[in-house]
C-alpha cells in the first residue's frame, strides 16, 4: 500500500527506477524477490495511475541487470500477467515482453517455450495481443540457433489455424503467417 501511494503521488516513477538500477543494480540483486513482488503488485494495480509503467520498468530493469534465473522469474511473471484476464494488465505485459524480445533476443531465446505456451490460450487473447505474440515468436526464431525446429512448430500451428473453419481461427492463422513473413 505504501508503494502504491508513492507511485500515485508520483514520488516513484519509471525514470527513477532506471536511475536506481543504473547506479545500484548489482546491490539490488539480493532483493530480487521483494522487487518482483512489488512489480507484480503494481502491474495488477489498475486504480493507481502510472503503476503499470513503474511495474514494467521494474520488471525490465530486473531482466536487464540480473542473471538467467531472475530473468526466468520475470518472463514467467509477465506470462502470468498476460493470462490474468485483465486486458490492460495483459497489454502492458505483452508490450514489455515484446520490448525484451527486440532488445535482448539472445537472453530471451531460452524462454521461447514460455512464450510459445501462450499459443494454447490464443482464444483468450485480443487480436492486437495475438499480433504481438506472433511478432515475439517470429523475432526469436530469426535470432535463434535452433531456428529450424522452432520455425517448424510455428508453421504447423499457423497451418492448423488456417485449416480450421471459424473466422477467428483463420484470422489467427493469417496474423501468424504475416508476422512470420515480416520477421
C-alpha atoms as a PDB file:
ATOM      1  CA  UNK A   1       0.000   0.000   0.000  1.00  0.00           C
ATOM      2  CA  UNK A   2       2.903   2.342   0.779  1.00  0.00           C
ATOM      3  CA  UNK A   3       4.450   1.789  -2.664  1.00  0.00           C
ATOM      4  CA  UNK A   4       1.079   2.313  -4.343  1.00  0.00           C
ATOM      5  CA  UNK A   5       0.670   5.651  -2.548  1.00  0.00           C
ATOM      6  CA  UNK A   6       4.207   6.710  -3.541  1.00  0.00           C
ATOM      7  CA  UNK A   7       3.523   5.819  -7.198  1.00  0.00           C
ATOM      8  CA  UNK A   8       0.163   7.593  -7.115  1.00  0.00           C
ATOM      9  CA  UNK A   9       1.842  10.696  -5.657  1.00  0.00           C
ATOM     10  CA  UNK A  10       4.457  10.398  -8.428  1.00  0.00           C
ATOM     11  CA  UNK A  11       7.281  10.067  -5.914  1.00  0.00           C
ATOM     12  CA  UNK A  12       8.229   6.820  -7.653  1.00  0.00           C
ATOM     13  CA  UNK A  13       8.237   6.724 -11.436  1.00  0.00           C
ATOM     14  CA  UNK A  14       9.814   4.769 -14.282  1.00  0.00           C
ATOM     15  CA  UNK A  15      12.694   7.228 -14.701  1.00  0.00           C
ATOM     16  CA  UNK A  16      13.551   6.886 -11.024  1.00  0.00           C
ATOM     17  CA  UNK A  17      13.619   3.083 -11.334  1.00  0.00           C
ATOM     18  CA  UNK A  18      16.039   3.408 -14.273  1.00  0.00           C
ATOM     19  CA  UNK A  19      18.313   5.704 -12.278  1.00  0.00           C
ATOM     20  CA  UNK A  20      18.348   3.458  -9.223  1.00  0.00           C
ATOM     21  CA  UNK A  21      19.234   0.376 -11.269  1.00  0.00           C
ATOM     22  CA  UNK A  22      21.874   2.257 -13.274  1.00  0.00           C
ATOM     23  CA  UNK A  23      23.722   3.113 -10.058  1.00  0.00           C
ATOM     24  CA  UNK A  24      22.797   0.273  -7.691  1.00  0.00           C
ATOM     25  CA  UNK A  25      21.761  -2.593  -9.998  1.00  0.00           C
ATOM     26  CA  UNK A  26      24.178  -5.167  -8.623  1.00  0.00           C
ATOM     27  CA  UNK A  27      23.429  -4.321  -4.994  1.00  0.00           C
ATOM     28  CA  UNK A  28      19.708  -4.819  -5.594  1.00  0.00           C
ATOM     29  CA  UNK A  29      20.211  -8.449  -6.629  1.00  0.00           C
ATOM     30  CA  UNK A  30      19.746  -9.714  -3.079  1.00  0.00           C
ATOM     31  CA  UNK A  31      16.331  -8.026  -3.034  1.00  0.00           C
ATOM     32  CA  UNK A  32      15.028  -9.655  -6.205  1.00  0.00           C
ATOM     33  CA  UNK A  33      12.104 -11.468  -4.516  1.00  0.00           C
ATOM     34  CA  UNK A  34      10.667  -8.301  -2.921  1.00  0.00           C
ATOM     35  CA  UNK A  35      11.289  -6.347  -6.133  1.00  0.00           C
ATOM     36  CA  UNK A  36       9.383  -8.950  -8.151  1.00  0.00           C
ATOM     37  CA  UNK A  37       6.585  -8.864  -5.599  1.00  0.00           C
ATOM     38  CA  UNK A  38       6.380  -5.071  -5.867  1.00  0.00           C
ATOM     39  CA  UNK A  39       6.377  -5.251  -9.670  1.00  0.00           C
ATOM     40  CA  UNK A  40       3.606  -7.859  -9.597  1.00  0.00           C
ATOM     41  CA  UNK A  41       1.509  -5.783  -7.231  1.00  0.00           C
ATOM     42  CA  UNK A  42       1.950  -2.636  -9.315  1.00  0.00           C
ATOM     43  CA  UNK A  43       1.142  -4.447 -12.561  1.00  0.00           C
ATOM     44  CA  UNK A  44      -2.175  -5.545 -11.056  1.00  0.00           C
ATOM     45  CA  UNK A  45      -2.939  -2.095  -9.575  1.00  0.00           C
ATOM     46  CA  UNK A  46      -5.383  -0.797 -12.166  1.00  0.00           C
ATOM     47  CA  UNK A  47      -6.611   2.059  -9.970  1.00  0.00           C
ATOM     48  CA  UNK A  48      -3.156   3.583  -9.454  1.00  0.00           C
ATOM     49  CA  UNK A  49      -2.150   5.943 -12.293  1.00  0.00           C
ATOM     50  CA  UNK A  50       1.321   5.133 -13.600  1.00  0.00           C
ATOM     51  CA  UNK A  51       1.574   1.856 -11.672  1.00  0.00           C
ATOM     52  CA  UNK A  52       1.907  -0.302 -14.780  1.00  0.00           C
ATOM     53  CA  UNK A  53       4.623   1.960 -16.184  1.00  0.00           C
ATOM     54  CA  UNK A  54       6.612   1.617 -12.962  1.00  0.00           C
ATOM     55  CA  UNK A  55       5.982  -2.143 -12.871  1.00  0.00           C
ATOM     56  CA  UNK A  56       7.095  -2.526 -16.484  1.00  0.00           C
ATOM     57  CA  UNK A  57      10.257  -0.563 -15.834  1.00  0.00           C
ATOM     58  CA  UNK A  58      10.983  -2.558 -12.688  1.00  0.00           C
ATOM     59  CA  UNK A  59      10.489  -5.882 -14.488  1.00  0.00           C
ATOM     60  CA  UNK A  60      12.615  -4.638 -17.397  1.00  0.00           C
ATOM     61  CA  UNK A  61      15.469  -3.496 -15.161  1.00  0.00           C
ATOM     62  CA  UNK A  62      15.464  -6.771 -13.229  1.00  0.00           C
ATOM     63  CA  UNK A  63      15.696  -8.623 -16.540  1.00  0.00           C
ATOM     64  CA  UNK A  64      18.459  -6.354 -17.817  1.00  0.00           C
ATOM     65  CA  UNK A  65      20.654  -6.345 -14.698  1.00  0.00           C
ATOM     66  CA  UNK A  66      20.296  -9.848 -13.278  1.00  0.00           C
ATOM     67  CA  UNK A  67      21.145 -13.360 -14.440  1.00  0.00           C
ATOM     68  CA  UNK A  68      19.153 -16.115 -16.135  1.00  0.00           C
ATOM     69  CA  UNK A  69      17.355 -17.297 -13.002  1.00  0.00           C
ATOM     70  CA  UNK A  70      15.936 -13.832 -12.304  1.00  0.00           C
ATOM     71  CA  UNK A  71      15.215 -13.348 -15.994  1.00  0.00           C
ATOM     72  CA  UNK A  72      13.172 -16.545 -15.945  1.00  0.00           C
ATOM     73  CA  UNK A  73      11.232 -15.223 -12.949  1.00  0.00           C
ATOM     74  CA  UNK A  74      10.479 -12.011 -14.852  1.00  0.00           C
ATOM     75  CA  UNK A  75       9.334 -13.798 -18.015  1.00  0.00           C
ATOM     76  CA  UNK A  76       7.222 -16.247 -16.002  1.00  0.00           C
ATOM     77  CA  UNK A  77       5.565 -13.400 -14.103  1.00  0.00           C
ATOM     78  CA  UNK A  78       4.850 -11.479 -17.305  1.00  0.00           C
ATOM     79  CA  UNK A  79       3.318 -14.533 -18.988  1.00  0.00           C
ATOM     80  CA  UNK A  80       1.133 -14.960 -15.892  1.00  0.00           C
ATOM     81  CA  UNK A  81       0.012 -11.330 -16.177  1.00  0.00           C
ATOM     82  CA  UNK A  82      -0.907 -11.910 -19.828  1.00  0.00           C
ATOM     83  CA  UNK A  83      -3.204 -14.737 -18.757  1.00  0.00           C
ATOM     84  CA  UNK A  84      -4.727 -12.797 -15.868  1.00  0.00           C
ATOM     85  CA  UNK A  85      -7.887 -11.924 -17.760  1.00  0.00           C
ATOM     86  CA  UNK A  86      -7.327  -8.195 -17.227  1.00  0.00           C
ATOM     87  CA  UNK A  87      -6.845  -6.706 -20.722  1.00  0.00           C
ATOM     88  CA  UNK A  88      -4.803  -3.707 -19.532  1.00  0.00           C
ATOM     89  CA  UNK A  89      -2.513  -5.892 -17.424  1.00  0.00           C
ATOM     90  CA  UNK A  90      -2.108  -8.314 -20.321  1.00  0.00           C
ATOM     91  CA  UNK A  91      -1.459  -5.469 -22.746  1.00  0.00           C
ATOM     92  CA  UNK A  92       1.277  -3.919 -20.589  1.00  0.00           C
ATOM     93  CA  UNK A  93       2.879  -7.327 -20.028  1.00  0.00           C
ATOM     94  CA  UNK A  94       2.851  -8.287 -23.710  1.00  0.00           C
ATOM     95  CA  UNK A  95       4.328  -4.941 -24.710  1.00  0.00           C
ATOM     96  CA  UNK A  96       7.133  -5.399 -22.204  1.00  0.00           C
ATOM     97  CA  UNK A  97       7.780  -8.968 -23.361  1.00  0.00           C
ATOM     98  CA  UNK A  98       7.914  -7.718 -26.961  1.00  0.00           C
ATOM     99  CA  UNK A  99      10.365  -4.995 -25.946  1.00  0.00           C
ATOM    100  CA  UNK A 100      12.568  -7.547 -24.167  1.00  0.00           C
ATOM    101  CA  UNK A 101      12.490  -9.847 -27.212  1.00  0.00           C
ATOM    102  CA  UNK A 102      13.526  -6.994 -29.508  1.00  0.00           C
ATOM    103  CA  UNK A 103      16.246  -5.620 -27.206  1.00  0.00           C
ATOM    104  CA  UNK A 104      17.608  -8.898 -25.808  1.00  0.00           C
ATOM    105  CA  UNK A 105      16.860 -11.712 -28.286  1.00  0.00           C
ATOM    106  CA  UNK A 106      19.784 -13.860 -27.108  1.00  0.00           C
ATOM    107  CA  UNK A 107      18.750 -13.607 -23.456  1.00  0.00           C
ATOM    108  CA  UNK A 108      15.075 -14.212 -24.308  1.00  0.00           C
ATOM    109  CA  UNK A 109      15.779 -17.232 -26.526  1.00  0.00           C
ATOM    110  CA  UNK A 110      15.841 -19.742 -23.622  1.00  0.00           C
ATOM    111  CA  UNK A 111      12.339 -18.552 -22.693  1.00  0.00           C
ATOM    112  CA  UNK A 112      10.848 -19.170 -26.142  1.00  0.00           C
ATOM    113  CA  UNK A 113       8.907 -22.099 -24.714  1.00  0.00           C
ATOM    114  CA  UNK A 114       7.203 -19.780 -22.179  1.00  0.00           C
ATOM    115  CA  UNK A 115       6.028 -17.523 -24.996  1.00  0.00           C
ATOM    116  CA  UNK A 116       5.051 -20.430 -27.223  1.00  0.00           C
ATOM    117  CA  UNK A 117       2.951 -21.778 -24.346  1.00  0.00           C
ATOM    118  CA  UNK A 118       0.682 -18.743 -24.720  1.00  0.00           C
ATOM    119  CA  UNK A 119      -0.485 -20.203 -28.048  1.00  0.00           C
ATOM    120  CA  UNK A 120      -2.515 -22.708 -26.010  1.00  0.00           C
ATOM    121  CA  UNK A 121      -4.630 -19.799 -24.756  1.00  0.00           C
ATOM    122  CA  UNK A 122      -4.817 -17.883 -28.025  1.00  0.00           C
ATOM    123  CA  UNK A 123      -8.632 -17.888 -27.936  1.00  0.00           C
ATOM    124  CA  UNK A 124      -8.489 -15.666 -24.838  1.00  0.00           C
ATOM    125  CA  UNK A 125      -6.279 -13.031 -26.463  1.00  0.00           C
ATOM    126  CA  UNK A 126      -7.437  -9.940 -28.326  1.00  0.00           C
ATOM    127  CA  UNK A 127      -6.335  -9.526 -31.946  1.00  0.00           C
ATOM    128  CA  UNK A 128      -3.711  -6.880 -31.081  1.00  0.00           C
ATOM    129  CA  UNK A 129      -2.285  -9.242 -28.444  1.00  0.00           C
ATOM    130  CA  UNK A 130      -2.169 -12.115 -30.929  1.00  0.00           C
ATOM    131  CA  UNK A 131      -0.212  -9.885 -33.287  1.00  0.00           C
ATOM    132  CA  UNK A 132       2.310  -9.055 -30.540  1.00  0.00           C
ATOM    133  CA  UNK A 133       2.638 -12.723 -29.575  1.00  0.00           C
ATOM    134  CA  UNK A 134       3.396 -13.808 -33.145  1.00  0.00           C
ATOM    135  CA  UNK A 135       5.790 -10.891 -33.544  1.00  0.00           C
ATOM    136  CA  UNK A 136       7.746 -12.069 -30.494  1.00  0.00           C
ATOM    137  CA  UNK A 137       7.821 -15.702 -31.567  1.00  0.00           C
ATOM    138  CA  UNK A 138       8.841 -14.849 -35.131  1.00  0.00           C
ATOM    139  CA  UNK A 139      11.531 -12.435 -33.952  1.00  0.00           C
ATOM    140  CA  UNK A 140      13.019 -15.059 -31.643  1.00  0.00           C
ATOM    141  CA  UNK A 141      13.020 -17.626 -34.430  1.00  0.00           C
ATOM    142  CA  UNK A 142      15.021 -15.317 -36.695  1.00  0.00           C
ATOM    143  CA  UNK A 143      17.597 -14.762 -33.921  1.00  0.00           C
ATOM    144  CA  UNK A 144      17.825 -18.342 -32.643  1.00  0.00           C
ATOM    145  CA  UNK A 145      20.427 -21.037 -33.087  1.00  0.00           C
ATOM    146  CA  UNK A 146      17.645 -23.676 -33.199  1.00  0.00           C
ATOM    147  CA  UNK A 147      15.546 -21.713 -35.664  1.00  0.00           C
ATOM    148  CA  UNK A 148      14.566 -24.729 -37.774  1.00  0.00           C
ATOM    149  CA  UNK A 149      12.707 -26.688 -35.092  1.00  0.00           C
ATOM    150  CA  UNK A 150      11.087 -23.558 -33.665  1.00  0.00           C
ATOM    151  CA  UNK A 151      10.075 -22.414 -37.126  1.00  0.00           C
ATOM    152  CA  UNK A 152       8.603 -25.809 -37.931  1.00  0.00           C
ATOM    153  CA  UNK A 153       6.495 -25.751 -34.744  1.00  0.00           C
ATOM    154  CA  UNK A 154       5.167 -22.293 -35.529  1.00  0.00           C
ATOM    155  CA  UNK A 155       4.466 -23.194 -39.161  1.00  0.00           C
ATOM    156  CA  UNK A 156       2.466 -26.232 -38.034  1.00  0.00           C
ATOM    157  CA  UNK A 157       0.447 -24.095 -35.615  1.00  0.00           C
ATOM    158  CA  UNK A 158      -0.273 -21.447 -38.257  1.00  0.00           C
ATOM    159  CA  UNK A 159      -1.307 -24.098 -40.800  1.00  0.00           C
ATOM    160  CA  UNK A 160      -3.667 -25.673 -38.266  1.00  0.00           C
ATOM    161  CA  UNK A 161      -5.286 -22.316 -37.622  1.00  0.00           C
ATOM    162  CA  UNK A 162      -5.669 -21.620 -41.351  1.00  0.00           C
ATOM    163  CA  UNK A 163      -7.307 -25.029 -41.872  1.00  0.00           C
ATOM    164  CA  UNK A 164      -9.955 -24.514 -39.184  1.00  0.00           C
ATOM    165  CA  UNK A 165     -13.459 -23.406 -40.055  1.00  0.00           C
ATOM    166  CA  UNK A 166     -14.012 -20.465 -37.732  1.00  0.00           C
ATOM    167  CA  UNK A 167     -13.270 -16.915 -38.797  1.00  0.00           C
ATOM    168  CA  UNK A 168     -11.351 -16.241 -35.562  1.00  0.00           C
ATOM    169  CA  UNK A 169      -9.012 -19.190 -36.112  1.00  0.00           C
ATOM    170  CA  UNK A 170      -8.415 -18.238 -39.744  1.00  0.00           C
ATOM    171  CA  UNK A 171      -7.691 -14.669 -38.633  1.00  0.00           C
ATOM    172  CA  UNK A 172      -5.154 -16.002 -36.115  1.00  0.00           C
ATOM    173  CA  UNK A 173      -3.521 -18.035 -38.892  1.00  0.00           C
ATOM    174  CA  UNK A 174      -3.295 -15.034 -41.207  1.00  0.00           C
ATOM    175  CA  UNK A 175      -1.809 -12.877 -38.448  1.00  0.00           C
ATOM    176  CA  UNK A 176       0.698 -15.621 -37.601  1.00  0.00           C
ATOM    177  CA  UNK A 177       1.727 -16.076 -41.226  1.00  0.00           C
ATOM    178  CA  UNK A 178       2.031 -12.323 -41.761  1.00  0.00           C
ATOM    179  CA  UNK A 179       4.222 -11.860 -38.677  1.00  0.00           C
ATOM    180  CA  UNK A 180       6.448 -14.769 -39.693  1.00  0.00           C
ATOM    181  CA  UNK A 181       6.901 -13.287 -43.172  1.00  0.00           C
ATOM    182  CA  UNK A 182       7.577  -9.857 -41.700  1.00  0.00           C
ATOM    183  CA  UNK A 183      10.307 -11.259 -39.405  1.00  0.00           C
END
